[in-house]
Structure formats: C-alpha cells, structure tokens
PDB file of all heavy atoms in Angstrom:
ATOM      1  N   ASP A   1      91.727  92.912 123.694  1.00  0.00           N
ATOM      2  CA  ASP A   1      91.623  92.617 125.132  1.00  0.00           C
ATOM      3  C   ASP A   1      92.882  91.969 125.706  1.00  0.00           C
ATOM      4  O   ASP A   1      92.838  91.354 126.776  1.00  0.00           O
ATOM      5  CB  ASP A   1      90.409  91.726 125.426  1.00  0.00           C
ATOM      6  CG  ASP A   1      89.091  92.419 125.115  1.00  0.00           C
ATOM      7  OD1 ASP A   1      89.007  93.655 125.320  1.00  0.00           O
ATOM      8  OD2 ASP A   1      88.153  91.748 124.648  1.00  0.00           O
ATOM      9  N   ALA A   2      94.005  92.113 125.038  1.00  0.00           N
ATOM     10  CA  ALA A   2      95.248  91.502 125.507  1.00  0.00           C
ATOM     11  C   ALA A   2      95.848  92.288 126.670  1.00  0.00           C
ATOM     12  O   ALA A   2      95.711  93.514 126.758  1.00  0.00           O
ATOM     13  CB  ALA A   2      96.270  91.436 124.371  1.00  0.00           C
ATOM     14  N   HIS A   3      96.523  91.565 127.552  1.00  0.00           N
ATOM     15  CA  HIS A   3      97.328  92.167 128.604  1.00  0.00           C
ATOM     16  C   HIS A   3      98.780  92.117 128.121  1.00  0.00           C
ATOM     17  O   HIS A   3      99.339  91.036 127.912  1.00  0.00           O
ATOM     18  CB  HIS A   3      97.136  91.424 129.918  1.00  0.00           C
ATOM     19  CG  HIS A   3      95.738  91.512 130.425  1.00  0.00           C
ATOM     20  ND1 HIS A   3      95.245  92.640 131.063  1.00  0.00           N
ATOM     21  CD2 HIS A   3      94.701  90.639 130.348  1.00  0.00           C
ATOM     22  CE1 HIS A   3      93.976  92.440 131.378  1.00  0.00           C
ATOM     23  NE2 HIS A   3      93.620  91.235 130.956  1.00  0.00           N
ATOM     24  N   VAL A   4      99.365  93.294 127.927  1.00  0.00           N
ATOM     25  CA  VAL A   4     100.617  93.447 127.200  1.00  0.00           C
ATOM     26  C   VAL A   4     101.742  93.838 128.147  1.00  0.00           C
ATOM     27  O   VAL A   4     101.568  94.683 129.035  1.00  0.00           O
ATOM     28  CB  VAL A   4     100.461  94.511 126.091  1.00  0.00           C
ATOM     29  CG1 VAL A   4     101.781  94.738 125.354  1.00  0.00           C
ATOM     30  CG2 VAL A   4      99.358  94.102 125.114  1.00  0.00           C
ATOM     31  N   LEU A   5     102.913  93.245 127.933  1.00  0.00           N
ATOM     32  CA  LEU A   5     104.132  93.607 128.645  1.00  0.00           C
ATOM     33  C   LEU A   5     105.149  94.085 127.624  1.00  0.00           C
ATOM     34  O   LEU A   5     105.500  93.351 126.700  1.00  0.00           O
ATOM     35  CB  LEU A   5     104.676  92.404 129.418  1.00  0.00           C
ATOM     36  CG  LEU A   5     105.991  92.603 130.187  1.00  0.00           C
ATOM     37  CD1 LEU A   5     105.848  93.690 131.242  1.00  0.00           C
ATOM     38  CD2 LEU A   5     106.442  91.282 130.811  1.00  0.00           C
ATOM     39  N   ASP A   6     105.613  95.320 127.778  1.00  0.00           N
ATOM     40  CA  ASP A   6     106.577  95.934 126.860  1.00  0.00           C
ATOM     41  C   ASP A   6     107.882  96.115 127.616  1.00  0.00           C
ATOM     42  O   ASP A   6     108.035  97.060 128.400  1.00  0.00           O
ATOM     43  CB  ASP A   6     106.013  97.267 126.359  1.00  0.00           C
ATOM     44  CG  ASP A   6     106.882  97.940 125.307  1.00  0.00           C
ATOM     45  OD1 ASP A   6     107.968  97.411 124.985  1.00  0.00           O
ATOM     46  OD2 ASP A   6     106.476  99.015 124.816  1.00  0.00           O
ATOM     47  N   LEU A   7     108.844  95.200 127.406  1.00  0.00           N
ATOM     48  CA  LEU A   7     110.132  95.247 128.090  1.00  0.00           C
ATOM     49  C   LEU A   7     111.139  96.056 127.271  1.00  0.00           C
ATOM     50  O   LEU A   7     111.119  96.010 126.047  1.00  0.00           O
ATOM     51  CB  LEU A   7     110.661  93.822 128.309  1.00  0.00           C
ATOM     52  CG  LEU A   7     109.783  92.925 129.195  1.00  0.00           C
ATOM     53  CD1 LEU A   7     110.295  91.485 129.172  1.00  0.00           C
ATOM     54  CD2 LEU A   7     109.733  93.451 130.625  1.00  0.00           C
ATOM     55  N   PHE A   8     112.026  96.781 127.946  1.00  0.00           N
ATOM     56  CA  PHE A   8     112.939  97.731 127.283  1.00  0.00           C
ATOM     57  C   PHE A   8     112.089  98.729 126.489  1.00  0.00           C
ATOM     58  O   PHE A   8     112.307  98.949 125.296  1.00  0.00           O
ATOM     59  CB  PHE A   8     113.925  97.012 126.362  1.00  0.00           C
ATOM     60  CG  PHE A   8     114.708  95.903 127.009  1.00  0.00           C
ATOM     61  CD1 PHE A   8     114.294  94.591 126.918  1.00  0.00           C
ATOM     62  CD2 PHE A   8     115.880  96.181 127.710  1.00  0.00           C
ATOM     63  CE1 PHE A   8     115.016  93.564 127.509  1.00  0.00           C
ATOM     64  CE2 PHE A   8     116.617  95.166 128.305  1.00  0.00           C
ATOM     65  CZ  PHE A   8     116.178  93.849 128.203  1.00  0.00           C
ATOM     66  N   ALA A   9     111.133  99.341 127.154  1.00  0.00           N
ATOM     67  CA  ALA A   9     110.058 100.047 126.456  1.00  0.00           C
ATOM     68  C   ALA A   9     110.518 101.276 125.674  1.00  0.00           C
ATOM     69  O   ALA A   9     109.880 101.641 124.684  1.00  0.00           O
ATOM     70  CB  ALA A   9     108.974 100.451 127.456  1.00  0.00           C
ATOM     71  N   GLY A  10     111.583 101.959 126.121  1.00  0.00           N
ATOM     72  CA  GLY A  10     112.021 103.159 125.401  1.00  0.00           C
ATOM     73  C   GLY A  10     110.962 104.236 125.455  1.00  0.00           C
ATOM     74  O   GLY A  10     110.672 104.806 126.502  1.00  0.00           O
ATOM     75  N   SER A  11     110.337 104.532 124.329  1.00  0.00           N
ATOM     76  CA  SER A  11     109.248 105.511 124.275  1.00  0.00           C
ATOM     77  C   SER A  11     107.913 104.908 124.675  1.00  0.00           C
ATOM     78  O   SER A  11     106.930 105.639 124.857  1.00  0.00           O
ATOM     79  CB  SER A  11     109.136 106.092 122.864  1.00  0.00           C
ATOM     80  OG  SER A  11     108.702 105.088 121.956  1.00  0.00           O
ATOM     81  N   GLY A  12     107.841 103.580 124.771  1.00  0.00           N
ATOM     82  CA  GLY A  12     106.578 102.903 125.037  1.00  0.00           C
ATOM     83  C   GLY A  12     105.742 102.657 123.799  1.00  0.00           C
ATOM     84  O   GLY A  12     104.589 102.234 123.896  1.00  0.00           O
ATOM     85  N   ALA A  13     106.318 102.870 122.612  1.00  0.00           N
ATOM     86  CA  ALA A  13     105.530 102.835 121.376  1.00  0.00           C
ATOM     87  C   ALA A  13     104.853 101.489 121.133  1.00  0.00           C
ATOM     88  O   ALA A  13     103.714 101.438 120.657  1.00  0.00           O
ATOM     89  CB  ALA A  13     106.410 103.197 120.182  1.00  0.00           C
ATOM     90  N   LEU A  14     105.527 100.378 121.461  1.00  0.00           N
ATOM     91  CA  LEU A  14     104.925  99.074 121.186  1.00  0.00           C
ATOM     92  C   LEU A  14     103.725  98.809 122.094  1.00  0.00           C
ATOM     93  O   LEU A  14     102.662  98.386 121.628  1.00  0.00           O
ATOM     94  CB  LEU A  14     105.980  97.974 121.352  1.00  0.00           C
ATOM     95  CG  LEU A  14     107.117  98.011 120.330  1.00  0.00           C
ATOM     96  CD1 LEU A  14     108.208  97.011 120.712  1.00  0.00           C
ATOM     97  CD2 LEU A  14     106.596  97.706 118.923  1.00  0.00           C
ATOM     98  N   GLY A  15     103.886  99.055 123.381  1.00  0.00           N
ATOM     99  CA  GLY A  15     102.766  98.865 124.296  1.00  0.00           C
ATOM    100  C   GLY A  15     101.622  99.814 124.008  1.00  0.00           C
ATOM    101  O   GLY A  15     100.442  99.424 124.067  1.00  0.00           O
ATOM    102  N   LEU A  16     101.944 101.066 123.686  1.00  0.00           N
ATOM    103  CA  LEU A  16     100.897 102.060 123.433  1.00  0.00           C
ATOM    104  C   LEU A  16     100.196 101.812 122.103  1.00  0.00           C
ATOM    105  O   LEU A  16      98.984 102.031 121.983  1.00  0.00           O
ATOM    106  CB  LEU A  16     101.493 103.465 123.494  1.00  0.00           C
ATOM    107  CG  LEU A  16     102.106 103.832 124.845  1.00  0.00           C
ATOM    108  CD1 LEU A  16     102.716 105.225 124.787  1.00  0.00           C
ATOM    109  CD2 LEU A  16     101.088 103.734 125.974  1.00  0.00           C
ATOM    110  N   GLU A  17     100.926 101.338 121.103  1.00  0.00           N
ATOM    111  CA  GLU A  17     100.298 100.927 119.847  1.00  0.00           C
ATOM    112  C   GLU A  17      99.296  99.803 120.111  1.00  0.00           C
ATOM    113  O   GLU A  17      98.189  99.790 119.544  1.00  0.00           O
ATOM    114  CB  GLU A  17     101.348 100.461 118.852  1.00  0.00           C
ATOM    115  CG  GLU A  17     100.809 100.073 117.482  1.00  0.00           C
ATOM    116  CD  GLU A  17     100.554 101.242 116.551  1.00  0.00           C
ATOM    117  OE1 GLU A  17     101.316 102.227 116.586  1.00  0.00           O
ATOM    118  OE2 GLU A  17      99.585 101.156 115.768  1.00  0.00           O
ATOM    119  N   SER A  18      99.663  98.868 120.981  1.00  0.00           N
ATOM    120  CA  SER A  18      98.752  97.775 121.338  1.00  0.00           C
ATOM    121  C   SER A  18      97.470  98.320 121.951  1.00  0.00           C
ATOM    122  O   SER A  18      96.360  97.854 121.633  1.00  0.00           O
ATOM    123  CB  SER A  18      99.434  96.826 122.318  1.00  0.00           C
ATOM    124  OG  SER A  18     100.607  96.263 121.779  1.00  0.00           O
ATOM    125  N   MET A  19      97.603  99.306 122.853  1.00  0.00           N
ATOM    126  CA  MET A  19      96.422  99.896 123.479  1.00  0.00           C
ATOM    127  C   MET A  19      95.537 100.588 122.447  1.00  0.00           C
ATOM    128  O   MET A  19      94.305 100.493 122.499  1.00  0.00           O
ATOM    129  CB  MET A  19      96.850 100.883 124.558  1.00  0.00           C
ATOM    130  CG  MET A  19      97.548 100.265 125.750  1.00  0.00           C
ATOM    131  SD  MET A  19      96.477  99.163 126.706  1.00  0.00           S
ATOM    132  CE  MET A  19      95.252 100.332 127.317  1.00  0.00           C
ATOM    133  N   SER A  20      96.130 101.293 121.510  1.00  0.00           N
ATOM    134  CA  SER A  20      95.365 101.964 120.466  1.00  0.00           C
ATOM    135  C   SER A  20      94.547 100.980 119.648  1.00  0.00           C
ATOM    136  O   SER A  20      93.456 101.292 119.170  1.00  0.00           O
ATOM    137  CB  SER A  20      96.315 102.745 119.546  1.00  0.00           C
ATOM    138  OG  SER A  20      95.619 103.364 118.484  1.00  0.00           O
ATOM    139  N   ARG A  21      95.074  99.751 119.538  1.00  0.00           N
ATOM    140  CA  ARG A  21      94.426  98.740 118.686  1.00  0.00           C
ATOM    141  C   ARG A  21      93.600  97.730 119.475  1.00  0.00           C
ATOM    142  O   ARG A  21      93.255  96.680 118.937  1.00  0.00           O
ATOM    143  CB  ARG A  21      95.485  98.024 117.857  1.00  0.00           C
ATOM    144  CG  ARG A  21      96.213  98.930 116.872  1.00  0.00           C
ATOM    145  CD  ARG A  21      97.196  98.145 116.057  1.00  0.00           C
ATOM    146  NE  ARG A  21      98.035  98.977 115.206  1.00  0.00           N
ATOM    147  CZ  ARG A  21      98.185  98.792 113.896  1.00  0.00           C
ATOM    148  NH1 ARG A  21      97.542  97.834 113.278  1.00  0.00           N
ATOM    149  NH2 ARG A  21      99.007  99.568 113.214  1.00  0.00           N
ATOM    150  N   GLY A  22      93.293  98.022 120.722  1.00  0.00           N
ATOM    151  CA  GLY A  22      92.310  97.205 121.415  1.00  0.00           C
ATOM    152  C   GLY A  22      92.799  96.381 122.582  1.00  0.00           C
ATOM    153  O   GLY A  22      92.019  95.616 123.164  1.00  0.00           O
ATOM    154  N   ALA A  23      94.068  96.507 122.970  1.00  0.00           N
ATOM    155  CA  ALA A  23      94.541  95.778 124.143  1.00  0.00           C
ATOM    156  C   ALA A  23      93.849  96.287 125.401  1.00  0.00           C
ATOM    157  O   ALA A  23      93.435  97.444 125.483  1.00  0.00           O
ATOM    158  CB  ALA A  23      96.057  95.919 124.278  1.00  0.00           C
ATOM    159  N   ALA A  24      93.755  95.419 126.410  1.00  0.00           N
ATOM    160  CA  ALA A  24      93.078  95.784 127.657  1.00  0.00           C
ATOM    161  C   ALA A  24      93.989  96.534 128.610  1.00  0.00           C
ATOM    162  O   ALA A  24      93.529  97.395 129.370  1.00  0.00           O
ATOM    163  CB  ALA A  24      92.543  94.523 128.342  1.00  0.00           C
TER     164      ALA A  24
END
C-alpha cells in the first residue's frame, strides 16, 4: 500500500516493480 516516487525513472522498472509487489 505504499505511495512510490521513482525519480530518474528510465524504464520505470523500480516504480513498476513496487506496483507488482503491492504498492498503492
């Protein structure tokens, strides 16, 4: 349920990995 900010996202892999694992 985390609200995630991915700065210098590039492909977005870090933010999208977070969503896959339960981020809000």
